[in-house]
Amino acid sequence: MINQYDLEERTAKLGGKIIAFCQKIKISILNESLIKQLIKSATSIGANYMEANGGNSKKDFKNKISICKKEAKETLHWLRMIAITDKEKREEIKSLWKETHELVLIFSKILSSLK
């Protein structure tokens, strides 16, 4: 079980879960670009969080956290679009959407505390 407060691990796990989820989807002309976009945005959350932790300044940290939030919100969008194109995956998407939404809230809180 991961520590819910270890955001490096939590964002990496989400990226991994999204990749595993996407591997189970039958690719079609309708969903191919959606899947690619979902993987890009979901894995970008963790990559940007790692960069934020290695940032050289508070401004750099804030910028990277802002990108984390943006990528998490984008991930929510792509999950929603895939739910539209693949009704059979909606239950699994709910779990991924919940975790991603929690990350949006966490990054929002971090950003509000930096002002």
PDB file of N, CA and C in Angstrom:
ATOM      1  N   MET A   1       0.848  -1.194   0.000  1.00  0.00           N
ATOM      2  CA  MET A   1       0.000   0.000   0.000  1.00  0.00           C
ATOM      3  C   MET A   1       0.884   1.245   0.000  1.00  0.00           C
ATOM      4  N   ILE A   2       0.533   2.193  -0.829  1.00  0.00           N
ATOM      5  CA  ILE A   2       1.338   3.408  -0.899  1.00  0.00           C
ATOM      6  C   ILE A   2       0.883   4.408   0.149  1.00  0.00           C
ATOM      7  N   ASN A   3       1.816   5.196   0.592  1.00  0.00           N
ATOM      8  CA  ASN A   3       1.511   6.277   1.514  1.00  0.00           C
ATOM      9  C   ASN A   3       0.779   7.349   0.720  1.00  0.00           C
ATOM     10  N   GLN A   4      -0.451   7.677   1.136  1.00  0.00           N
ATOM     11  CA  GLN A   4      -1.251   8.627   0.358  1.00  0.00           C
ATOM     12  C   GLN A   4      -0.641  10.014   0.333  1.00  0.00           C
ATOM     13  N   TYR A   5       0.340  10.278   1.198  1.00  0.00           N
ATOM     14  CA  TYR A   5       0.975  11.589   1.229  1.00  0.00           C
ATOM     15  C   TYR A   5       2.270  11.638   0.432  1.00  0.00           C
ATOM     16  N   ASP A   6       2.718  10.505  -0.097  1.00  0.00           N
ATOM     17  CA  ASP A   6       3.916  10.449  -0.921  1.00  0.00           C
ATOM     18  C   ASP A   6       3.490  10.719  -2.370  1.00  0.00           C
ATOM     19  N   LEU A   7       3.515  11.994  -2.734  1.00  0.00           N
ATOM     20  CA  LEU A   7       2.989  12.366  -4.047  1.00  0.00           C
ATOM     21  C   LEU A   7       3.842  11.863  -5.200  1.00  0.00           C
ATOM     22  N   GLU A   8       5.139  11.705  -5.009  1.00  0.00           N
ATOM     23  CA  GLU A   8       5.957  11.138  -6.090  1.00  0.00           C
ATOM     24  C   GLU A   8       5.473   9.731  -6.399  1.00  0.00           C
ATOM     25  N   GLU A   9       5.277   8.949  -5.357  1.00  0.00           N
ATOM     26  CA  GLU A   9       4.818   7.568  -5.543  1.00  0.00           C
ATOM     27  C   GLU A   9       3.380   7.544  -6.051  1.00  0.00           C
ATOM     28  N   ARG A  10       2.553   8.374  -5.493  1.00  0.00           N
ATOM     29  CA  ARG A  10       1.135   8.393  -5.863  1.00  0.00           C
ATOM     30  C   ARG A  10       0.942   8.790  -7.331  1.00  0.00           C
ATOM     31  N   THR A  11       1.675   9.791  -7.784  1.00  0.00           N
ATOM     32  CA  THR A  11       1.542  10.211  -9.186  1.00  0.00           C
ATOM     33  C   THR A  11       2.119   9.156 -10.129  1.00  0.00           C
ATOM     34  N   ALA A  12       3.198   8.493  -9.707  1.00  0.00           N
ATOM     35  CA  ALA A  12       3.770   7.418 -10.528  1.00  0.00           C
ATOM     36  C   ALA A  12       2.797   6.245 -10.621  1.00  0.00           C
ATOM     37  N   LYS A  13       2.166   5.905  -9.512  1.00  0.00           N
ATOM     38  CA  LYS A  13       1.189   4.807  -9.513  1.00  0.00           C
ATOM     39  C   LYS A  13       0.014   5.131 -10.420  1.00  0.00           C
ATOM     40  N   LEU A  14      -0.452   6.377 -10.375  1.00  0.00           N
ATOM     41  CA  LEU A  14      -1.552   6.759 -11.251  1.00  0.00           C
ATOM     42  C   LEU A  14      -1.138   6.603 -12.714  1.00  0.00           C
ATOM     43  N   GLY A  15       0.038   7.078 -13.065  1.00  0.00           N
ATOM     44  CA  GLY A  15       0.522   6.916 -14.436  1.00  0.00           C
ATOM     45  C   GLY A  15       0.557   5.455 -14.850  1.00  0.00           C
ATOM     46  N   GLY A  16       1.036   4.601 -13.957  1.00  0.00           N
ATOM     47  CA  GLY A  16       1.086   3.161 -14.233  1.00  0.00           C
ATOM     48  C   GLY A  16      -0.293   2.552 -14.398  1.00  0.00           C
ATOM     49  N   LYS A  17      -1.229   2.983 -13.543  1.00  0.00           N
ATOM     50  CA  LYS A  17      -2.598   2.463 -13.649  1.00  0.00           C
ATOM     51  C   LYS A  17      -3.260   2.906 -14.960  1.00  0.00           C
ATOM     52  N   ILE A  18      -2.984   4.129 -15.363  1.00  0.00           N
ATOM     53  CA  ILE A  18      -3.550   4.627 -16.620  1.00  0.00           C
ATOM     54  C   ILE A  18      -2.972   3.845 -17.802  1.00  0.00           C
ATOM     55  N   ILE A  19      -1.675   3.590 -17.777  1.00  0.00           N
ATOM     56  CA  ILE A  19      -1.051   2.796 -18.847  1.00  0.00           C
ATOM     57  C   ILE A  19      -1.677   1.405 -18.906  1.00  0.00           C
ATOM     58  N   ALA A  20      -1.793   0.755 -17.738  1.00  0.00           N
ATOM     59  CA  ALA A  20      -2.388  -0.591 -17.696  1.00  0.00           C
ATOM     60  C   ALA A  20      -3.832  -0.569 -18.191  1.00  0.00           C
ATOM     61  N   PHE A  21      -4.572   0.458 -17.796  1.00  0.00           N
ATOM     62  CA  PHE A  21      -5.955   0.614 -18.242  1.00  0.00           C
ATOM     63  C   PHE A  21      -6.012   0.741 -19.768  1.00  0.00           C
ATOM     64  N   CYS A  22      -5.165   1.577 -20.315  1.00  0.00           N
ATOM     65  CA  CYS A  22      -5.165   1.813 -21.758  1.00  0.00           C
ATOM     66  C   CYS A  22      -4.770   0.572 -22.545  1.00  0.00           C
ATOM     67  N   GLN A  23      -3.922  -0.262 -21.968  1.00  0.00           N
ATOM     68  CA  GLN A  23      -3.532  -1.500 -22.649  1.00  0.00           C
ATOM     69  C   GLN A  23      -4.711  -2.453 -22.823  1.00  0.00           C
ATOM     70  N   LYS A  24      -5.741  -2.298 -21.996  1.00  0.00           N
ATOM     71  CA  LYS A  24      -6.907  -3.186 -22.059  1.00  0.00           C
ATOM     72  C   LYS A  24      -7.991  -2.687 -23.026  1.00  0.00           C
ATOM     73  N   ILE A  25      -7.820  -1.485 -23.531  1.00  0.00           N
ATOM     74  CA  ILE A  25      -8.826  -0.921 -24.418  1.00  0.00           C
ATOM     75  C   ILE A  25      -8.560  -1.369 -25.856  1.00  0.00           C
ATOM     76  N   LYS A  26      -9.623  -1.815 -26.503  1.00  0.00           N
ATOM     77  CA  LYS A  26      -9.505  -2.166 -27.914  1.00  0.00           C
ATOM     78  C   LYS A  26      -9.411  -0.862 -28.700  1.00  0.00           C
ATOM     79  N   ILE A  27      -8.319  -0.684 -29.425  1.00  0.00           N
ATOM     80  CA  ILE A  27      -8.074   0.562 -30.150  1.00  0.00           C
ATOM     81  C   ILE A  27      -8.949   0.628 -31.400  1.00  0.00           C
ATOM     82  N   SER A  28      -9.541   1.805 -31.572  1.00  0.00           N
ATOM     83  CA  SER A  28     -10.355   2.062 -32.757  1.00  0.00           C
ATOM     84  C   SER A  28      -9.983   3.434 -33.307  1.00  0.00           C
ATOM     85  N   ILE A  29     -10.514   3.752 -34.443  1.00  0.00           N
ATOM     86  CA  ILE A  29     -10.250   5.061 -35.041  1.00  0.00           C
ATOM     87  C   ILE A  29     -10.780   6.182 -34.135  1.00  0.00           C
ATOM     88  N   LEU A  30     -11.831   5.887 -33.381  1.00  0.00           N
ATOM     89  CA  LEU A  30     -12.422   6.884 -32.477  1.00  0.00           C
ATOM     90  C   LEU A  30     -11.579   7.159 -31.241  1.00  0.00           C
ATOM     91  N   ASN A  31     -10.968   6.121 -30.700  1.00  0.00           N
ATOM     92  CA  ASN A  31     -10.310   6.299 -29.409  1.00  0.00           C
ATOM     93  C   ASN A  31      -8.783   6.352 -29.435  1.00  0.00           C
ATOM     94  N   GLU A  32      -8.171   6.085 -30.567  1.00  0.00           N
ATOM     95  CA  GLU A  32      -6.711   6.025 -30.611  1.00  0.00           C
ATOM     96  C   GLU A  32      -6.051   7.317 -30.118  1.00  0.00           C
ATOM     97  N   SER A  33      -6.488   8.452 -30.622  1.00  0.00           N
ATOM     98  CA  SER A  33      -5.875   9.712 -30.192  1.00  0.00           C
ATOM     99  C   SER A  33      -6.236  10.034 -28.743  1.00  0.00           C
ATOM    100  N   LEU A  34      -7.427   9.637 -28.305  1.00  0.00           N
ATOM    101  CA  LEU A  34      -7.821   9.863 -26.910  1.00  0.00           C
ATOM    102  C   LEU A  34      -6.900   9.103 -25.962  1.00  0.00           C
ATOM    103  N   ILE A  35      -6.607   7.859 -26.312  1.00  0.00           N
ATOM    104  CA  ILE A  35      -5.731   7.027 -25.489  1.00  0.00           C
ATOM    105  C   ILE A  35      -4.332   7.633 -25.410  1.00  0.00           C
ATOM    106  N   LYS A  36      -3.802   8.063 -26.546  1.00  0.00           N
ATOM    107  CA  LYS A  36      -2.470   8.680 -26.558  1.00  0.00           C
ATOM    108  C   LYS A  36      -2.438   9.932 -25.687  1.00  0.00           C
ATOM    109  N   GLN A  37      -3.459  10.772 -25.815  1.00  0.00           N
ATOM    110  CA  GLN A  37      -3.523  12.002 -25.030  1.00  0.00           C
ATOM    111  C   GLN A  37      -3.632  11.685 -23.536  1.00  0.00           C
ATOM    112  N   LEU A  38      -4.434  10.680 -23.200  1.00  0.00           N
ATOM    113  CA  LEU A  38      -4.601  10.281 -21.800  1.00  0.00           C
ATOM    114  C   LEU A  38      -3.273   9.825 -21.201  1.00  0.00           C
ATOM    115  N   ILE A  39      -2.560   8.999 -21.917  1.00  0.00           N
ATOM    116  CA  ILE A  39      -1.269   8.506 -21.414  1.00  0.00           C
ATOM    117  C   ILE A  39      -0.289   9.664 -21.236  1.00  0.00           C
ATOM    118  N   LYS A  40      -0.254  10.564 -22.210  1.00  0.00           N
ATOM    119  CA  LYS A  40       0.666  11.708 -22.121  1.00  0.00           C
ATOM    120  C   LYS A  40       0.359  12.580 -20.905  1.00  0.00           C
ATOM    121  N   SER A  41      -0.899  12.930 -20.727  1.00  0.00           N
ATOM    122  CA  SER A  41      -1.234  13.834 -19.619  1.00  0.00           C
ATOM    123  C   SER A  41      -1.069  13.133 -18.269  1.00  0.00           C
ATOM    124  N   ALA A  42      -1.489  11.884 -18.168  1.00  0.00           N
ATOM    125  CA  ALA A  42      -1.418  11.171 -16.889  1.00  0.00           C
ATOM    126  C   ALA A  42       0.022  10.938 -16.440  1.00  0.00           C
ATOM    127  N   THR A  43       0.898  10.583 -17.367  1.00  0.00           N
ATOM    128  CA  THR A  43       2.294  10.338 -16.976  1.00  0.00           C
ATOM    129  C   THR A  43       3.053  11.646 -16.758  1.00  0.00           C
ATOM    130  N   SER A  44       2.577  12.709 -17.360  1.00  0.00           N
ATOM    131  CA  SER A  44       3.197  14.019 -17.184  1.00  0.00           C
ATOM    132  C   SER A  44       3.014  14.561 -15.763  1.00  0.00           C
ATOM    133  N   ILE A  45       1.947  14.155 -15.100  1.00  0.00           N
ATOM    134  CA  ILE A  45       1.695  14.622 -13.733  1.00  0.00           C
ATOM    135  C   ILE A  45       2.886  14.266 -12.843  1.00  0.00           C
ATOM    136  N   GLY A  46       3.261  13.013 -12.853  1.00  0.00           N
ATOM    137  CA  GLY A  46       4.366  12.553 -12.010  1.00  0.00           C
ATOM    138  C   GLY A  46       5.707  13.128 -12.430  1.00  0.00           C
ATOM    139  N   ALA A  47       5.926  13.220 -13.726  1.00  0.00           N
ATOM    140  CA  ALA A  47       7.195  13.768 -14.215  1.00  0.00           C
ATOM    141  C   ALA A  47       7.357  15.220 -13.764  1.00  0.00           C
ATOM    142  N   ASN A  48       6.291  15.991 -13.859  1.00  0.00           N
ATOM    143  CA  ASN A  48       6.368  17.387 -13.436  1.00  0.00           C
ATOM    144  C   ASN A  48       6.460  17.529 -11.924  1.00  0.00           C
ATOM    145  N   TYR A  49       5.851  16.608 -11.196  1.00  0.00           N
ATOM    146  CA  TYR A  49       5.980  16.660  -9.736  1.00  0.00           C
ATOM    147  C   TYR A  49       7.427  16.376  -9.323  1.00  0.00           C
ATOM    148  N   MET A  50       8.058  15.426  -9.991  1.00  0.00           N
ATOM    149  CA  MET A  50       9.466  15.137  -9.687  1.00  0.00           C
ATOM    150  C   MET A  50      10.323  16.361 -10.005  1.00  0.00           C
ATOM    151  N   GLU A  51      10.037  17.038 -11.112  1.00  0.00           N
ATOM    152  CA  GLU A  51      10.773  18.255 -11.455  1.00  0.00           C
ATOM    153  C   GLU A  51      10.526  19.343 -10.426  1.00  0.00           C
ATOM    154  N   ALA A  52       9.296  19.445  -9.938  1.00  0.00           N
ATOM    155  CA  ALA A  52       8.976  20.452  -8.919  1.00  0.00           C
ATOM    156  C   ALA A  52       9.825  20.239  -7.670  1.00  0.00           C
ATOM    157  N   ASN A  53       9.967  18.992  -7.276  1.00  0.00           N
ATOM    158  CA  ASN A  53      10.760  18.693  -6.077  1.00  0.00           C
ATOM    159  C   ASN A  53      12.238  18.979  -6.276  1.00  0.00           C
ATOM    160  N   GLY A  54      12.677  18.982  -7.514  1.00  0.00           N
ATOM    161  CA  GLY A  54      14.074  19.282  -7.801  1.00  0.00           C
ATOM    162  C   GLY A  54      14.280  20.718  -8.239  1.00  0.00           C
ATOM    163  N   GLY A  55      13.244  21.521  -8.101  1.00  0.00           N
ATOM    164  CA  GLY A  55      13.293  22.912  -8.564  1.00  0.00           C
ATOM    165  C   GLY A  55      14.336  23.742  -7.850  1.00  0.00           C
ATOM    166  N   ASN A  56      14.783  24.782  -8.547  1.00  0.00           N
ATOM    167  CA  ASN A  56      15.836  25.643  -8.012  1.00  0.00           C
ATOM    168  C   ASN A  56      15.307  26.802  -7.184  1.00  0.00           C
ATOM    169  N   SER A  57      14.016  27.067  -7.277  1.00  0.00           N
ATOM    170  CA  SER A  57      13.460  28.213  -6.570  1.00  0.00           C
ATOM    171  C   SER A  57      11.991  27.966  -6.258  1.00  0.00           C
ATOM    172  N   LYS A  58      11.439  28.815  -5.409  1.00  0.00           N
ATOM    173  CA  LYS A  58      10.017  28.726  -5.088  1.00  0.00           C
ATOM    174  C   LYS A  58       9.182  28.983  -6.345  1.00  0.00           C
ATOM    175  N   LYS A  59       9.640  29.909  -7.169  1.00  0.00           N
ATOM    176  CA  LYS A  59       8.937  30.230  -8.417  1.00  0.00           C
ATOM    177  C   LYS A  59       8.915  29.011  -9.343  1.00  0.00           C
ATOM    178  N   ASP A  60      10.041  28.318  -9.458  1.00  0.00           N
ATOM    179  CA  ASP A  60      10.132  27.119 -10.281  1.00  0.00           C
ATOM    180  C   ASP A  60       9.211  26.029  -9.726  1.00  0.00           C
ATOM    181  N   PHE A  61       9.233  25.842  -8.406  1.00  0.00           N
ATOM    182  CA  PHE A  61       8.375  24.852  -7.756  1.00  0.00           C
ATOM    183  C   PHE A  61       6.905  25.157  -8.051  1.00  0.00           C
ATOM    184  N   LYS A  62       6.523  26.404  -7.875  1.00  0.00           N
ATOM    185  CA  LYS A  62       5.135  26.814  -8.100  1.00  0.00           C
ATOM    186  C   LYS A  62       4.725  26.577  -9.555  1.00  0.00           C
ATOM    187  N   ASN A  63       5.607  26.908 -10.481  1.00  0.00           N
ATOM    188  CA  ASN A  63       5.324  26.700 -11.898  1.00  0.00           C
ATOM    189  C   ASN A  63       5.096  25.221 -12.205  1.00  0.00           C
ATOM    190  N   LYS A  64       5.947  24.358 -11.684  1.00  0.00           N
ATOM    191  CA  LYS A  64       5.816  22.916 -11.960  1.00  0.00           C
ATOM    192  C   LYS A  64       4.562  22.344 -11.302  1.00  0.00           C
ATOM    193  N   ILE A  65       4.222  22.809 -10.104  1.00  0.00           N
ATOM    194  CA  ILE A  65       3.000  22.341  -9.450  1.00  0.00           C
ATOM    195  C   ILE A  65       1.780  22.788 -10.251  1.00  0.00           C
ATOM    196  N   SER A  66       1.860  23.974 -10.797  1.00  0.00           N
ATOM    197  CA  SER A  66       0.781  24.473 -11.657  1.00  0.00           C
ATOM    198  C   SER A  66       0.614  23.579 -12.882  1.00  0.00           C
ATOM    199  N   ILE A  67       1.713  23.134 -13.440  1.00  0.00           N
ATOM    200  CA  ILE A  67       1.664  22.216 -14.584  1.00  0.00           C
ATOM    201  C   ILE A  67       1.076  20.870 -14.154  1.00  0.00           C
ATOM    202  N   CYS A  68       1.440  20.399 -12.960  1.00  0.00           N
ATOM    203  CA  CYS A  68       0.867  19.150 -12.438  1.00  0.00           C
ATOM    204  C   CYS A  68      -0.651  19.247 -12.381  1.00  0.00           C
ATOM    205  N   LYS A  69      -1.139  20.354 -11.864  1.00  0.00           N
ATOM    206  CA  LYS A  69      -2.583  20.564 -11.763  1.00  0.00           C
ATOM    207  C   LYS A  69      -3.220  20.587 -13.154  1.00  0.00           C
ATOM    208  N   LYS A  70      -2.595  21.302 -14.072  1.00  0.00           N
ATOM    209  CA  LYS A  70      -3.112  21.399 -15.438  1.00  0.00           C
ATOM    210  C   LYS A  70      -3.168  20.026 -16.099  1.00  0.00           C
ATOM    211  N   GLU A  71      -2.119  19.242 -15.943  1.00  0.00           N
ATOM    212  CA  GLU A  71      -2.073  17.906 -16.552  1.00  0.00           C
ATOM    213  C   GLU A  71      -3.094  16.973 -15.903  1.00  0.00           C
ATOM    214  N   ALA A  72      -3.299  17.113 -14.608  1.00  0.00           N
ATOM    215  CA  ALA A  72      -4.301  16.286 -13.926  1.00  0.00           C
ATOM    216  C   ALA A  72      -5.701  16.638 -14.425  1.00  0.00           C
ATOM    217  N   LYS A  73      -5.966  17.924 -14.603  1.00  0.00           N
ATOM    218  CA  LYS A  73      -7.272  18.338 -15.123  1.00  0.00           C
ATOM    219  C   LYS A  73      -7.454  17.835 -16.557  1.00  0.00           C
ATOM    220  N   GLU A  74      -6.396  17.881 -17.336  1.00  0.00           N
ATOM    221  CA  GLU A  74      -6.472  17.361 -18.699  1.00  0.00           C
ATOM    222  C   GLU A  74      -6.736  15.857 -18.687  1.00  0.00           C
ATOM    223  N   THR A  75      -6.125  15.151 -17.756  1.00  0.00           N
ATOM    224  CA  THR A  75      -6.347  13.715 -17.622  1.00  0.00           C
ATOM    225  C   THR A  75      -7.818  13.424 -17.341  1.00  0.00           C
ATOM    226  N   LEU A  76      -8.438  14.245 -16.498  1.00  0.00           N
ATOM    227  CA  LEU A  76      -9.873  14.079 -16.231  1.00  0.00           C
ATOM    228  C   LEU A  76     -10.675  14.205 -17.526  1.00  0.00           C
ATOM    229  N   HIS A  77     -10.296  15.153 -18.343  1.00  0.00           N
ATOM    230  CA  HIS A  77     -10.992  15.351 -19.619  1.00  0.00           C
ATOM    231  C   HIS A  77     -10.881  14.106 -20.501  1.00  0.00           C
ATOM    232  N   TRP A  78      -9.675  13.584 -20.648  1.00  0.00           N
ATOM    233  CA  TRP A  78      -9.489  12.425 -21.529  1.00  0.00           C
ATOM    234  C   TRP A  78     -10.188  11.196 -20.968  1.00  0.00           C
ATOM    235  N   LEU A  79     -10.201  11.029 -19.648  1.00  0.00           N
ATOM    236  CA  LEU A  79     -10.950   9.918 -19.056  1.00  0.00           C
ATOM    237  C   LEU A  79     -12.440  10.037 -19.400  1.00  0.00           C
ATOM    238  N   ARG A  80     -12.936  11.245 -19.328  1.00  0.00           N
ATOM    239  CA  ARG A  80     -14.340  11.472 -19.662  1.00  0.00           C
ATOM    240  C   ARG A  80     -14.616  11.130 -21.132  1.00  0.00           C
ATOM    241  N   MET A  81     -13.719  11.531 -22.017  1.00  0.00           N
ATOM    242  CA  MET A  81     -13.915  11.245 -23.437  1.00  0.00           C
ATOM    243  C   MET A  81     -13.864   9.737 -23.712  1.00  0.00           C
ATOM    244  N   ILE A  82     -12.981   9.029 -23.044  1.00  0.00           N
ATOM    245  CA  ILE A  82     -12.905   7.573 -23.231  1.00  0.00           C
ATOM    246  C   ILE A  82     -14.152   6.909 -22.669  1.00  0.00           C
ATOM    247  N   ALA A  83     -14.685   7.430 -21.574  1.00  0.00           N
ATOM    248  CA  ALA A  83     -15.934   6.883 -21.027  1.00  0.00           C
ATOM    249  C   ALA A  83     -17.078   7.016 -22.032  1.00  0.00           C
ATOM    250  N   ILE A  84     -17.037   8.067 -22.829  1.00  0.00           N
ATOM    251  CA  ILE A  84     -18.057   8.266 -23.857  1.00  0.00           C
ATOM    252  C   ILE A  84     -17.900   7.242 -24.986  1.00  0.00           C
ATOM    253  N   THR A  85     -16.656   6.960 -25.353  1.00  0.00           N
ATOM    254  CA  THR A  85     -16.423   6.046 -26.480  1.00  0.00           C
ATOM    255  C   THR A  85     -16.427   4.577 -26.078  1.00  0.00           C
ATOM    256  N   ASP A  86     -16.251   4.278 -24.778  1.00  0.00           N
ATOM    257  CA  ASP A  86     -16.187   2.879 -24.320  1.00  0.00           C
ATOM    258  C   ASP A  86     -16.993   2.717 -23.037  1.00  0.00           C
ATOM    259  N   LYS A  87     -18.277   2.509 -23.200  1.00  0.00           N
ATOM    260  CA  LYS A  87     -19.187   2.422 -22.054  1.00  0.00           C
ATOM    261  C   LYS A  87     -18.847   1.264 -21.118  1.00  0.00           C
ATOM    262  N   GLU A  88     -18.230   0.216 -21.636  1.00  0.00           N
ATOM    263  CA  GLU A  88     -17.871  -0.945 -20.822  1.00  0.00           C
ATOM    264  C   GLU A  88     -16.779  -0.634 -19.792  1.00  0.00           C
ATOM    265  N   LYS A  89     -16.021   0.420 -20.022  1.00  0.00           N
ATOM    266  CA  LYS A  89     -14.902   0.764 -19.137  1.00  0.00           C
ATOM    267  C   LYS A  89     -15.275   1.806 -18.083  1.00  0.00           C
ATOM    268  N   ARG A  90     -16.533   2.202 -18.040  1.00  0.00           N
ATOM    269  CA  ARG A  90     -16.931   3.306 -17.154  1.00  0.00           C
ATOM    270  C   ARG A  90     -16.646   3.048 -15.682  1.00  0.00           C
ATOM    271  N   GLU A  91     -16.859   1.832 -15.215  1.00  0.00           N
ATOM    272  CA  GLU A  91     -16.602   1.549 -13.788  1.00  0.00           C
ATOM    273  C   GLU A  91     -15.126   1.707 -13.454  1.00  0.00           C
ATOM    274  N   GLU A  92     -14.272   1.204 -14.300  1.00  0.00           N
ATOM    275  CA  GLU A  92     -12.835   1.344 -14.079  1.00  0.00           C
ATOM    276  C   GLU A  92     -12.419   2.813 -14.179  1.00  0.00           C
ATOM    277  N   ILE A  93     -13.023   3.524 -15.087  1.00  0.00           N
ATOM    278  CA  ILE A  93     -12.718   4.947 -15.260  1.00  0.00           C
ATOM    279  C   ILE A  93     -13.096   5.733 -14.009  1.00  0.00           C
ATOM    280  N   LYS A  94     -14.183   5.350 -13.347  1.00  0.00           N
ATOM    281  CA  LYS A  94     -14.603   6.058 -12.123  1.00  0.00           C
ATOM    282  C   LYS A  94     -13.494   6.058 -11.076  1.00  0.00           C
ATOM    283  N   SER A  95     -12.836   4.945 -10.904  1.00  0.00           N
ATOM    284  CA  SER A  95     -11.752   4.835  -9.927  1.00  0.00           C
ATOM    285  C   SER A  95     -10.565   5.718 -10.322  1.00  0.00           C
ATOM    286  N   LEU A  96     -10.203   5.681 -11.599  1.00  0.00           N
ATOM    287  CA  LEU A  96      -9.097   6.506 -12.084  1.00  0.00           C
ATOM    288  C   LEU A  96      -9.451   7.993 -12.002  1.00  0.00           C
ATOM    289  N   TRP A  97     -10.685   8.319 -12.308  1.00  0.00           N
ATOM    290  CA  TRP A  97     -11.149   9.703 -12.257  1.00  0.00           C
ATOM    291  C   TRP A  97     -11.085  10.215 -10.823  1.00  0.00           C
ATOM    292  N   LYS A  98     -11.509   9.373  -9.861  1.00  0.00           N
ATOM    293  CA  LYS A  98     -11.500   9.761  -8.444  1.00  0.00           C
ATOM    294  C   LYS A  98     -10.082  10.081  -7.983  1.00  0.00           C
ATOM    295  N   GLU A  99      -9.138   9.214  -8.293  1.00  0.00           N
ATOM    296  CA  GLU A  99      -7.750   9.436  -7.881  1.00  0.00           C
ATOM    297  C   GLU A  99      -7.188  10.692  -8.539  1.00  0.00           C
ATOM    298  N   THR A 100      -7.472  10.865  -9.810  1.00  0.00           N
ATOM    299  CA  THR A 100      -6.978  12.046 -10.522  1.00  0.00           C
ATOM    300  C   THR A 100      -7.593  13.319  -9.956  1.00  0.00           C
ATOM    301  N   HIS A 101      -8.872  13.282  -9.660  1.00  0.00           N
ATOM    302  CA  HIS A 101      -9.545  14.444  -9.085  1.00  0.00           C
ATOM    303  C   HIS A 101      -8.942  14.806  -7.722  1.00  0.00           C
ATOM    304  N   GLU A 102      -8.623  13.797  -6.925  1.00  0.00           N
ATOM    305  CA  GLU A 102      -7.977  14.050  -5.629  1.00  0.00           C
ATOM    306  C   GLU A 102      -6.634  14.758  -5.835  1.00  0.00           C
ATOM    307  N   LEU A 103      -5.902  14.359  -6.858  1.00  0.00           N
ATOM    308  CA  LEU A 103      -4.623  15.024  -7.142  1.00  0.00           C
ATOM    309  C   LEU A 103      -4.834  16.473  -7.567  1.00  0.00           C
ATOM    310  N   VAL A 104      -5.879  16.737  -8.345  1.00  0.00           N
ATOM    311  CA  VAL A 104      -6.188  18.129  -8.715  1.00  0.00           C
ATOM    312  C   VAL A 104      -6.400  18.947  -7.444  1.00  0.00           C
ATOM    313  N   LEU A 105      -7.164  18.406  -6.511  1.00  0.00           N
ATOM    314  CA  LEU A 105      -7.431  19.115  -5.252  1.00  0.00           C
ATOM    315  C   LEU A 105      -6.158  19.324  -4.434  1.00  0.00           C
ATOM    316  N   ILE A 106      -5.307  18.325  -4.403  1.00  0.00           N
ATOM    317  CA  ILE A 106      -4.043  18.440  -3.666  1.00  0.00           C
ATOM    318  C   ILE A 106      -3.156  19.510  -4.283  1.00  0.00           C
ATOM    319  N   PHE A 107      -3.010  19.486  -5.591  1.00  0.00           N
ATOM    320  CA  PHE A 107      -2.164  20.492  -6.255  1.00  0.00           C
ATOM    321  C   PHE A 107      -2.766  21.891  -6.108  1.00  0.00           C
ATOM    322  N   SER A 108      -4.089  21.980  -6.128  1.00  0.00           N
ATOM    323  CA  SER A 108      -4.741  23.269  -5.897  1.00  0.00           C
ATOM    324  C   SER A 108      -4.426  23.801  -4.504  1.00  0.00           C
ATOM    325  N   LYS A 109      -4.445  22.927  -3.535  1.00  0.00           N
ATOM    326  CA  LYS A 109      -4.151  23.306  -2.153  1.00  0.00           C
ATOM    327  C   LYS A 109      -2.685  23.747  -2.010  1.00  0.00           C
ATOM    328  N   ILE A 110      -1.805  23.003  -2.629  1.00  0.00           N
ATOM    329  CA  ILE A 110      -0.392  23.374  -2.597  1.00  0.00           C
ATOM    330  C   ILE A 110      -0.203  24.768  -3.188  1.00  0.00           C
ATOM    331  N   LEU A 111      -0.822  24.999  -4.336  1.00  0.00           N
ATOM    332  CA  LEU A 111      -0.688  26.312  -4.990  1.00  0.00           C
ATOM    333  C   LEU A 111      -1.266  27.433  -4.137  1.00  0.00           C
ATOM    334  N   SER A 112      -2.396  27.199  -3.504  1.00  0.00           N
ATOM    335  CA  SER A 112      -2.995  28.247  -2.676  1.00  0.00           C
ATOM    336  C   SER A 112      -2.158  28.539  -1.433  1.00  0.00           C
ATOM    337  N   SER A 113      -1.416  27.546  -0.975  1.00  0.00           N
ATOM    338  CA  SER A 113      -0.572  27.757   0.210  1.00  0.00           C
ATOM    339  C   SER A 113       0.728  28.503  -0.137  1.00  0.00           C
ATOM    340  N   LEU A 114       1.055  28.598  -1.425  1.00  0.00           N
ATOM    341  CA  LEU A 114       2.292  29.247  -1.853  1.00  0.00           C
ATOM    342  C   LEU A 114       2.115  30.737  -2.101  1.00  0.00           C
ATOM    343  N   LYS A 115       0.933  31.245  -2.016  1.00  0.00           N
ATOM    344  CA  LYS A 115       0.671  32.663  -2.330  1.00  0.00           C
ATOM    345  C   LYS A 115       1.031  33.563  -1.203  1.00  0.00           C
TER     346      LYS A 115
END
